[in-house]
């Protein structure tokens, strides 16, 4: 963990909307929707996210969906529409 001055945190996150926290993570494996096998007998849960702006909303969605074990997550981009 590293503590940063507010200006350094803004620069590291690339935004003023960081709510005081930023994290560096590696990318998840990327697939297209056509590569998913959606023919299972028990059905499947696909979580589709778009235009997520508030990290609290994203966190709530991830925690809730995790309880039902989604097959895949699809998030074309993070941020407000038109950005």
PDB file of N, CA and C in Angstrom:
ATOM      1  N   UNK A   1       0.845  -1.152   0.000  1.00  0.00           N
ATOM      2  CA  UNK A   1       0.000   0.000   0.000  1.00  0.00           C
ATOM      3  C   UNK A   1       0.903   1.230   0.000  1.00  0.00           C
ATOM      4  N   UNK A   2       0.450   2.234  -0.698  1.00  0.00           N
ATOM      5  CA  UNK A   2       1.224   3.465  -0.821  1.00  0.00           C
ATOM      6  C   UNK A   2       0.278   4.652  -0.653  1.00  0.00           C
ATOM      7  N   UNK A   3       0.683   5.594   0.159  1.00  0.00           N
ATOM      8  CA  UNK A   3      -0.113   6.807   0.356  1.00  0.00           C
ATOM      9  C   UNK A   3       0.418   7.897  -0.563  1.00  0.00           C
ATOM     10  N   UNK A   4      -0.504   8.578  -1.257  1.00  0.00           N
ATOM     11  CA  UNK A   4      -0.124   9.622  -2.201  1.00  0.00           C
ATOM     12  C   UNK A   4      -0.772  10.945  -1.817  1.00  0.00           C
ATOM     13  N   UNK A   5      -0.090  12.019  -2.181  1.00  0.00           N
ATOM     14  CA  UNK A   5      -0.682  13.349  -2.035  1.00  0.00           C
ATOM     15  C   UNK A   5      -1.875  13.435  -2.992  1.00  0.00           C
ATOM     16  N   UNK A   6      -2.872  14.266  -2.695  1.00  0.00           N
ATOM     17  CA  UNK A   6      -4.062  14.357  -3.554  1.00  0.00           C
ATOM     18  C   UNK A   6      -3.743  14.566  -5.031  1.00  0.00           C
ATOM     19  N   UNK A   7      -2.801  15.428  -5.353  1.00  0.00           N
ATOM     20  CA  UNK A   7      -2.460  15.674  -6.752  1.00  0.00           C
ATOM     21  C   UNK A   7      -1.831  14.431  -7.393  1.00  0.00           C
ATOM     22  N   UNK A   8      -0.991  13.719  -6.637  1.00  0.00           N
ATOM     23  CA  UNK A   8      -0.381  12.491  -7.158  1.00  0.00           C
ATOM     24  C   UNK A   8      -1.436  11.407  -7.378  1.00  0.00           C
ATOM     25  N   UNK A   9      -2.418  11.338  -6.485  1.00  0.00           N
ATOM     26  CA  UNK A   9      -3.502  10.373  -6.640  1.00  0.00           C
ATOM     27  C   UNK A   9      -4.349  10.694  -7.870  1.00  0.00           C
ATOM     28  N   UNK A  10      -4.626  11.971  -8.097  1.00  0.00           N
ATOM     29  CA  UNK A  10      -5.372  12.379  -9.284  1.00  0.00           C
ATOM     30  C   UNK A  10      -4.610  11.984 -10.540  1.00  0.00           C
ATOM     31  N   UNK A  11      -3.322  12.225 -10.536  1.00  0.00           N
ATOM     32  CA  UNK A  11      -2.498  11.884 -11.697  1.00  0.00           C
ATOM     33  C   UNK A  11      -2.426  10.364 -11.898  1.00  0.00           C
ATOM     34  N   UNK A  12      -2.275   9.624 -10.823  1.00  0.00           N
ATOM     35  CA  UNK A  12      -2.176   8.158 -10.921  1.00  0.00           C
ATOM     36  C   UNK A  12      -3.479   7.540 -11.409  1.00  0.00           C
ATOM     37  N   UNK A  13      -4.613   8.107 -10.983  1.00  0.00           N
ATOM     38  CA  UNK A  13      -5.902   7.544 -11.370  1.00  0.00           C
ATOM     39  C   UNK A  13      -6.409   8.104 -12.689  1.00  0.00           C
ATOM     40  N   UNK A  14      -5.849   9.238 -13.113  1.00  0.00           N
ATOM     41  CA  UNK A  14      -6.291   9.857 -14.356  1.00  0.00           C
ATOM     42  C   UNK A  14      -7.632  10.533 -14.241  1.00  0.00           C
ATOM     43  N   UNK A  15      -8.047  10.846 -13.014  1.00  0.00           N
ATOM     44  CA  UNK A  15      -9.377  11.409 -12.807  1.00  0.00           C
ATOM     45  C   UNK A  15      -9.445  12.146 -11.477  1.00  0.00           C
ATOM     46  N   UNK A  16     -10.376  13.084 -11.391  1.00  0.00           N
ATOM     47  CA  UNK A  16     -10.678  13.721 -10.104  1.00  0.00           C
ATOM     48  C   UNK A  16     -11.721  12.917  -9.336  1.00  0.00           C
ATOM     49  N   UNK A  17     -12.271  11.885  -9.942  1.00  0.00           N
ATOM     50  CA  UNK A  17     -13.369  11.114  -9.360  1.00  0.00           C
ATOM     51  C   UNK A  17     -12.860   9.795  -8.778  1.00  0.00           C
ATOM     52  N   UNK A  18     -11.762   9.819  -8.055  1.00  0.00           N
ATOM     53  CA  UNK A  18     -11.154   8.602  -7.526  1.00  0.00           C
ATOM     54  C   UNK A  18     -11.639   8.239  -6.133  1.00  0.00           C
ATOM     55  N   UNK A  19     -12.340   9.125  -5.464  1.00  0.00           N
ATOM     56  CA  UNK A  19     -12.863   8.917  -4.112  1.00  0.00           C
ATOM     57  C   UNK A  19     -11.763   8.509  -3.124  1.00  0.00           C
ATOM     58  N   UNK A  20     -10.543   8.948  -3.402  1.00  0.00           N
ATOM     59  CA  UNK A  20      -9.447   8.744  -2.460  1.00  0.00           C
ATOM     60  C   UNK A  20      -8.732   7.406  -2.564  1.00  0.00           C
ATOM     61  N   UNK A  21      -9.089   6.598  -3.566  1.00  0.00           N
ATOM     62  CA  UNK A  21      -8.503   5.259  -3.684  1.00  0.00           C
ATOM     63  C   UNK A  21      -8.198   4.959  -5.152  1.00  0.00           C
ATOM     64  N   UNK A  22      -7.064   4.331  -5.382  1.00  0.00           N
ATOM     65  CA  UNK A  22      -6.721   3.848  -6.723  1.00  0.00           C
ATOM     66  C   UNK A  22      -5.960   2.537  -6.561  1.00  0.00           C
ATOM     67  N   UNK A  23      -6.018   1.687  -7.591  1.00  0.00           N
ATOM     68  CA  UNK A  23      -5.338   0.407  -7.522  1.00  0.00           C
ATOM     69  C   UNK A  23      -4.795   0.056  -8.900  1.00  0.00           C
ATOM     70  N   UNK A  24      -3.593  -0.499  -8.933  1.00  0.00           N
ATOM     71  CA  UNK A  24      -3.037  -1.035 -10.175  1.00  0.00           C
ATOM     72  C   UNK A  24      -3.316  -2.529 -10.194  1.00  0.00           C
ATOM     73  N   UNK A  25      -3.896  -2.997 -11.290  1.00  0.00           N
ATOM     74  CA  UNK A  25      -4.199  -4.418 -11.433  1.00  0.00           C
ATOM     75  C   UNK A  25      -3.828  -4.869 -12.840  1.00  0.00           C
ATOM     76  N   UNK A  26      -3.672  -6.163 -12.996  1.00  0.00           N
ATOM     77  CA  UNK A  26      -3.406  -6.690 -14.327  1.00  0.00           C
ATOM     78  C   UNK A  26      -4.737  -6.895 -15.051  1.00  0.00           C
ATOM     79  N   UNK A  27      -4.668  -6.961 -16.356  1.00  0.00           N
ATOM     80  CA  UNK A  27      -5.868  -7.159 -17.163  1.00  0.00           C
ATOM     81  C   UNK A  27      -6.393  -8.579 -17.015  1.00  0.00           C
ATOM     82  N   UNK A  28      -7.702  -8.719 -17.139  1.00  0.00           N
ATOM     83  CA  UNK A  28      -8.325 -10.031 -17.175  1.00  0.00           C
ATOM     84  C   UNK A  28      -8.253 -10.562 -18.596  1.00  0.00           C
ATOM     85  N   UNK A  29      -8.328 -11.877 -18.760  1.00  0.00           N
ATOM     86  CA  UNK A  29      -8.348 -12.417 -20.116  1.00  0.00           C
ATOM     87  C   UNK A  29      -9.569 -11.888 -20.866  1.00  0.00           C
ATOM     88  N   UNK A  30      -9.390 -11.566 -22.114  1.00  0.00           N
ATOM     89  CA  UNK A  30     -10.472 -11.007 -22.912  1.00  0.00           C
ATOM     90  C   UNK A  30     -10.966 -12.032 -23.924  1.00  0.00           C
ATOM     91  N   UNK A  31     -12.265 -12.172 -24.019  1.00  0.00           N
ATOM     92  CA  UNK A  31     -12.913 -13.002 -25.022  1.00  0.00           C
ATOM     93  C   UNK A  31     -14.064 -12.196 -25.598  1.00  0.00           C
ATOM     94  N   UNK A  32     -14.535 -12.596 -26.745  1.00  0.00           N
ATOM     95  CA  UNK A  32     -15.731 -11.953 -27.265  1.00  0.00           C
ATOM     96  C   UNK A  32     -16.948 -12.778 -26.852  1.00  0.00           C
ATOM     97  N   UNK A  33     -18.115 -12.182 -26.936  1.00  0.00           N
ATOM     98  CA  UNK A  33     -19.325 -12.866 -26.485  1.00  0.00           C
ATOM     99  C   UNK A  33     -19.587 -14.150 -27.265  1.00  0.00           C
ATOM    100  N   UNK A  34     -19.199 -14.177 -28.531  1.00  0.00           N
ATOM    101  CA  UNK A  34     -19.440 -15.358 -29.345  1.00  0.00           C
ATOM    102  C   UNK A  34     -18.653 -16.575 -28.849  1.00  0.00           C
ATOM    103  N   UNK A  35     -17.579 -16.363 -28.112  1.00  0.00           N
ATOM    104  CA  UNK A  35     -16.759 -17.480 -27.654  1.00  0.00           C
ATOM    105  C   UNK A  35     -17.343 -18.173 -26.418  1.00  0.00           C
ATOM    106  N   UNK A  36     -18.379 -17.604 -25.816  1.00  0.00           N
ATOM    107  CA  UNK A  36     -18.966 -18.209 -24.623  1.00  0.00           C
ATOM    108  C   UNK A  36     -19.879 -19.365 -25.003  1.00  0.00           C
ATOM    109  N   UNK A  37     -19.794 -20.451 -24.248  1.00  0.00           N
ATOM    110  CA  UNK A  37     -20.689 -21.582 -24.452  1.00  0.00           C
ATOM    111  C   UNK A  37     -21.919 -21.363 -23.584  1.00  0.00           C
ATOM    112  N   UNK A  38     -22.991 -20.888 -24.188  1.00  0.00           N
ATOM    113  CA  UNK A  38     -24.211 -20.562 -23.456  1.00  0.00           C
ATOM    114  C   UNK A  38     -25.253 -21.669 -23.579  1.00  0.00           C
ATOM    115  N   UNK A  39     -24.822 -22.878 -23.918  1.00  0.00           N
ATOM    116  CA  UNK A  39     -25.758 -23.970 -24.160  1.00  0.00           C
ATOM    117  C   UNK A  39     -25.898 -24.909 -22.983  1.00  0.00           C
ATOM    118  N   UNK A  40     -25.376 -24.546 -21.826  1.00  0.00           N
ATOM    119  CA  UNK A  40     -25.459 -25.418 -20.656  1.00  0.00           C
ATOM    120  C   UNK A  40     -26.898 -25.705 -20.270  1.00  0.00           C
ATOM    121  N   UNK A  41     -27.130 -26.854 -19.628  1.00  0.00           N
ATOM    122  CA  UNK A  41     -28.485 -27.267 -19.287  1.00  0.00           C
ATOM    123  C   UNK A  41     -29.068 -26.465 -18.131  1.00  0.00           C
ATOM    124  N   UNK A  42     -28.238 -25.942 -17.258  1.00  0.00           N
ATOM    125  CA  UNK A  42     -28.735 -25.200 -16.110  1.00  0.00           C
ATOM    126  C   UNK A  42     -28.854 -23.711 -16.354  1.00  0.00           C
ATOM    127  N   UNK A  43     -28.665 -23.285 -17.590  1.00  0.00           N
ATOM    128  CA  UNK A  43     -28.668 -21.857 -17.884  1.00  0.00           C
ATOM    129  C   UNK A  43     -27.355 -21.234 -17.443  1.00  0.00           C
ATOM    130  N   UNK A  44     -27.244 -19.958 -17.641  1.00  0.00           N
ATOM    131  CA  UNK A  44     -26.025 -19.282 -17.215  1.00  0.00           C
ATOM    132  C   UNK A  44     -26.348 -17.836 -16.896  1.00  0.00           C
ATOM    133  N   UNK A  45     -25.473 -17.223 -16.153  1.00  0.00           N
ATOM    134  CA  UNK A  45     -25.613 -15.816 -15.825  1.00  0.00           C
ATOM    135  C   UNK A  45     -24.468 -15.065 -16.476  1.00  0.00           C
ATOM    136  N   UNK A  46     -24.800 -14.117 -17.295  1.00  0.00           N
ATOM    137  CA  UNK A  46     -23.830 -13.243 -17.938  1.00  0.00           C
ATOM    138  C   UNK A  46     -24.085 -11.845 -17.402  1.00  0.00           C
ATOM    139  N   UNK A  47     -23.108 -11.252 -16.752  1.00  0.00           N
ATOM    140  CA  UNK A  47     -23.240  -9.904 -16.203  1.00  0.00           C
ATOM    141  C   UNK A  47     -22.700  -8.920 -17.231  1.00  0.00           C
ATOM    142  N   UNK A  48     -23.560  -8.020 -17.681  1.00  0.00           N
ATOM    143  CA  UNK A  48     -23.172  -7.023 -18.678  1.00  0.00           C
ATOM    144  C   UNK A  48     -23.219  -5.651 -18.019  1.00  0.00           C
ATOM    145  N   UNK A  49     -22.093  -4.968 -18.028  1.00  0.00           N
ATOM    146  CA  UNK A  49     -21.980  -3.642 -17.420  1.00  0.00           C
ATOM    147  C   UNK A  49     -21.646  -2.629 -18.503  1.00  0.00           C
ATOM    148  N   UNK A  50     -22.243  -1.457 -18.428  1.00  0.00           N
ATOM    149  CA  UNK A  50     -21.940  -0.408 -19.393  1.00  0.00           C
ATOM    150  C   UNK A  50     -22.093   0.941 -18.714  1.00  0.00           C
ATOM    151  N   UNK A  51     -21.181   1.822 -19.004  1.00  0.00           N
ATOM    152  CA  UNK A  51     -21.227   3.207 -18.504  1.00  0.00           C
ATOM    153  C   UNK A  51     -21.232   3.275 -16.978  1.00  0.00           C
ATOM    154  N   UNK A  52     -20.450   2.415 -16.333  1.00  0.00           N
ATOM    155  CA  UNK A  52     -20.333   2.459 -14.881  1.00  0.00           C
ATOM    156  C   UNK A  52     -19.439   3.633 -14.512  1.00  0.00           C
ATOM    157  N   UNK A  53     -19.962   4.547 -13.706  1.00  0.00           N
ATOM    158  CA  UNK A  53     -19.221   5.746 -13.320  1.00  0.00           C
ATOM    159  C   UNK A  53     -18.824   5.685 -11.853  1.00  0.00           C
ATOM    160  N   UNK A  54     -19.742   5.288 -11.011  1.00  0.00           N
ATOM    161  CA  UNK A  54     -19.524   5.298  -9.569  1.00  0.00           C
ATOM    162  C   UNK A  54     -18.932   3.965  -9.114  1.00  0.00           C
ATOM    163  N   UNK A  55     -17.739   3.974  -8.519  1.00  0.00           N
ATOM    164  CA  UNK A  55     -17.133   2.715  -8.074  1.00  0.00           C
ATOM    165  C   UNK A  55     -17.970   1.993  -7.018  1.00  0.00           C
ATOM    166  N   UNK A  56     -18.800   2.728  -6.275  1.00  0.00           N
ATOM    167  CA  UNK A  56     -19.676   2.077  -5.292  1.00  0.00           C
ATOM    168  C   UNK A  56     -20.712   1.209  -6.004  1.00  0.00           C
ATOM    169  N   UNK A  57     -21.251   1.709  -7.117  1.00  0.00           N
ATOM    170  CA  UNK A  57     -22.206   0.910  -7.897  1.00  0.00           C
ATOM    171  C   UNK A  57     -21.537  -0.337  -8.444  1.00  0.00           C
ATOM    172  N   UNK A  58     -20.342  -0.185  -8.986  1.00  0.00           N
ATOM    173  CA  UNK A  58     -19.616  -1.334  -9.518  1.00  0.00           C
ATOM    174  C   UNK A  58     -19.362  -2.357  -8.420  1.00  0.00           C
ATOM    175  N   UNK A  59     -18.919  -1.892  -7.270  1.00  0.00           N
ATOM    176  CA  UNK A  59     -18.654  -2.801  -6.147  1.00  0.00           C
ATOM    177  C   UNK A  59     -19.899  -3.548  -5.711  1.00  0.00           C
ATOM    178  N   UNK A  60     -21.028  -2.862  -5.642  1.00  0.00           N
ATOM    179  CA  UNK A  60     -22.278  -3.503  -5.240  1.00  0.00           C
ATOM    180  C   UNK A  60     -22.704  -4.560  -6.255  1.00  0.00           C
ATOM    181  N   UNK A  61     -22.558  -4.256  -7.535  1.00  0.00           N
ATOM    182  CA  UNK A  61     -22.924  -5.215  -8.572  1.00  0.00           C
ATOM    183  C   UNK A  61     -22.021  -6.445  -8.503  1.00  0.00           C
ATOM    184  N   UNK A  62     -20.721  -6.234  -8.370  1.00  0.00           N
ATOM    185  CA  UNK A  62     -19.765  -7.349  -8.325  1.00  0.00           C
ATOM    186  C   UNK A  62     -20.033  -8.232  -7.120  1.00  0.00           C
ATOM    187  N   UNK A  63     -20.221  -7.633  -5.944  1.00  0.00           N
ATOM    188  CA  UNK A  63     -20.474  -8.428  -4.731  1.00  0.00           C
ATOM    189  C   UNK A  63     -21.767  -9.226  -4.851  1.00  0.00           C
ATOM    190  N   UNK A  64     -22.814  -8.607  -5.371  1.00  0.00           N
ATOM    191  CA  UNK A  64     -24.100  -9.285  -5.503  1.00  0.00           C
ATOM    192  C   UNK A  64     -24.021 -10.421  -6.515  1.00  0.00           C
ATOM    193  N   UNK A  65     -23.454 -10.149  -7.678  1.00  0.00           N
ATOM    194  CA  UNK A  65     -23.366 -11.174  -8.721  1.00  0.00           C
ATOM    195  C   UNK A  65     -22.451 -12.326  -8.302  1.00  0.00           C
ATOM    196  N   UNK A  66     -21.421 -12.031  -7.538  1.00  0.00           N
ATOM    197  CA  UNK A  66     -20.494 -13.080  -7.098  1.00  0.00           C
ATOM    198  C   UNK A  66     -21.232 -14.180  -6.334  1.00  0.00           C
ATOM    199  N   UNK A  67     -22.287 -13.828  -5.633  1.00  0.00           N
ATOM    200  CA  UNK A  67     -23.053 -14.805  -4.851  1.00  0.00           C
ATOM    201  C   UNK A  67     -23.737 -15.847  -5.727  1.00  0.00           C
ATOM    202  N   UNK A  68     -23.986 -15.530  -6.986  1.00  0.00           N
ATOM    203  CA  UNK A  68     -24.658 -16.476  -7.880  1.00  0.00           C
ATOM    204  C   UNK A  68     -23.735 -16.986  -8.983  1.00  0.00           C
ATOM    205  N   UNK A  69     -22.447 -16.757  -8.855  1.00  0.00           N
ATOM    206  CA  UNK A  69     -21.407 -17.315  -9.732  1.00  0.00           C
ATOM    207  C   UNK A  69     -21.674 -17.098 -11.222  1.00  0.00           C
ATOM    208  N   UNK A  70     -21.504 -15.879 -11.699  1.00  0.00           N
ATOM    209  CA  UNK A  70     -21.714 -15.640 -13.128  1.00  0.00           C
ATOM    210  C   UNK A  70     -20.692 -16.407 -13.976  1.00  0.00           C
ATOM    211  N   UNK A  71     -21.121 -16.773 -15.170  1.00  0.00           N
ATOM    212  CA  UNK A  71     -20.233 -17.466 -16.112  1.00  0.00           C
ATOM    213  C   UNK A  71     -19.219 -16.494 -16.695  1.00  0.00           C
ATOM    214  N   UNK A  72     -19.653 -15.252 -16.905  1.00  0.00           N
ATOM    215  CA  UNK A  72     -18.770 -14.265 -17.521  1.00  0.00           C
ATOM    216  C   UNK A  72     -19.226 -12.858 -17.160  1.00  0.00           C
ATOM    217  N   UNK A  73     -18.290 -11.940 -17.277  1.00  0.00           N
ATOM    218  CA  UNK A  73     -18.547 -10.509 -17.106  1.00  0.00           C
ATOM    219  C   UNK A  73     -18.216  -9.851 -18.426  1.00  0.00           C
ATOM    220  N   UNK A  74     -19.029  -8.912 -18.833  1.00  0.00           N
ATOM    221  CA  UNK A  74     -18.724  -8.158 -20.044  1.00  0.00           C
ATOM    222  C   UNK A  74     -18.882  -6.691 -19.721  1.00  0.00           C
ATOM    223  N   UNK A  75     -17.820  -5.963 -19.923  1.00  0.00           N
ATOM    224  CA  UNK A  75     -17.802  -4.524 -19.626  1.00  0.00           C
ATOM    225  C   UNK A  75     -17.068  -3.834 -20.763  1.00  0.00           C
ATOM    226  N   UNK A  76     -17.813  -3.276 -21.718  1.00  0.00           N
ATOM    227  CA  UNK A  76     -17.158  -2.675 -22.868  1.00  0.00           C
ATOM    228  C   UNK A  76     -16.287  -1.477 -22.514  1.00  0.00           C
ATOM    229  N   UNK A  77     -16.661  -0.756 -21.470  1.00  0.00           N
ATOM    230  CA  UNK A  77     -15.850   0.386 -21.037  1.00  0.00           C
ATOM    231  C   UNK A  77     -16.340   0.848 -19.670  1.00  0.00           C
ATOM    232  N   UNK A  78     -15.495   1.589 -18.998  1.00  0.00           N
ATOM    233  CA  UNK A  78     -15.849   2.171 -17.714  1.00  0.00           C
ATOM    234  C   UNK A  78     -15.878   3.678 -17.910  1.00  0.00           C
ATOM    235  N   UNK A  79     -16.881   4.334 -17.415  1.00  0.00           N
ATOM    236  CA  UNK A  79     -16.973   5.782 -17.501  1.00  0.00           C
ATOM    237  C   UNK A  79     -18.309   6.210 -18.053  1.00  0.00           C
ATOM    238  N   UNK A  80     -18.594   7.498 -17.972  1.00  0.00           N
ATOM    239  CA  UNK A  80     -19.885   7.998 -18.423  1.00  0.00           C
ATOM    240  C   UNK A  80     -20.026   7.893 -19.939  1.00  0.00           C
ATOM    241  N   UNK A  81     -21.278   7.850 -20.429  1.00  0.00           N
ATOM    242  CA  UNK A  81     -21.500   7.782 -21.871  1.00  0.00           C
ATOM    243  C   UNK A  81     -20.823   8.941 -22.586  1.00  0.00           C
ATOM    244  N   UNK A  82     -20.298   8.661 -23.759  1.00  0.00           N
ATOM    245  CA  UNK A  82     -19.667   9.703 -24.569  1.00  0.00           C
ATOM    246  C   UNK A  82     -18.254  10.040 -24.174  1.00  0.00           C
ATOM    247  N   UNK A  83     -17.692   9.335 -23.237  1.00  0.00           N
ATOM    248  CA  UNK A  83     -16.331   9.645 -22.798  1.00  0.00           C
ATOM    249  C   UNK A  83     -15.328   8.794 -23.527  1.00  0.00           C
TER     250      UNK A  83
END
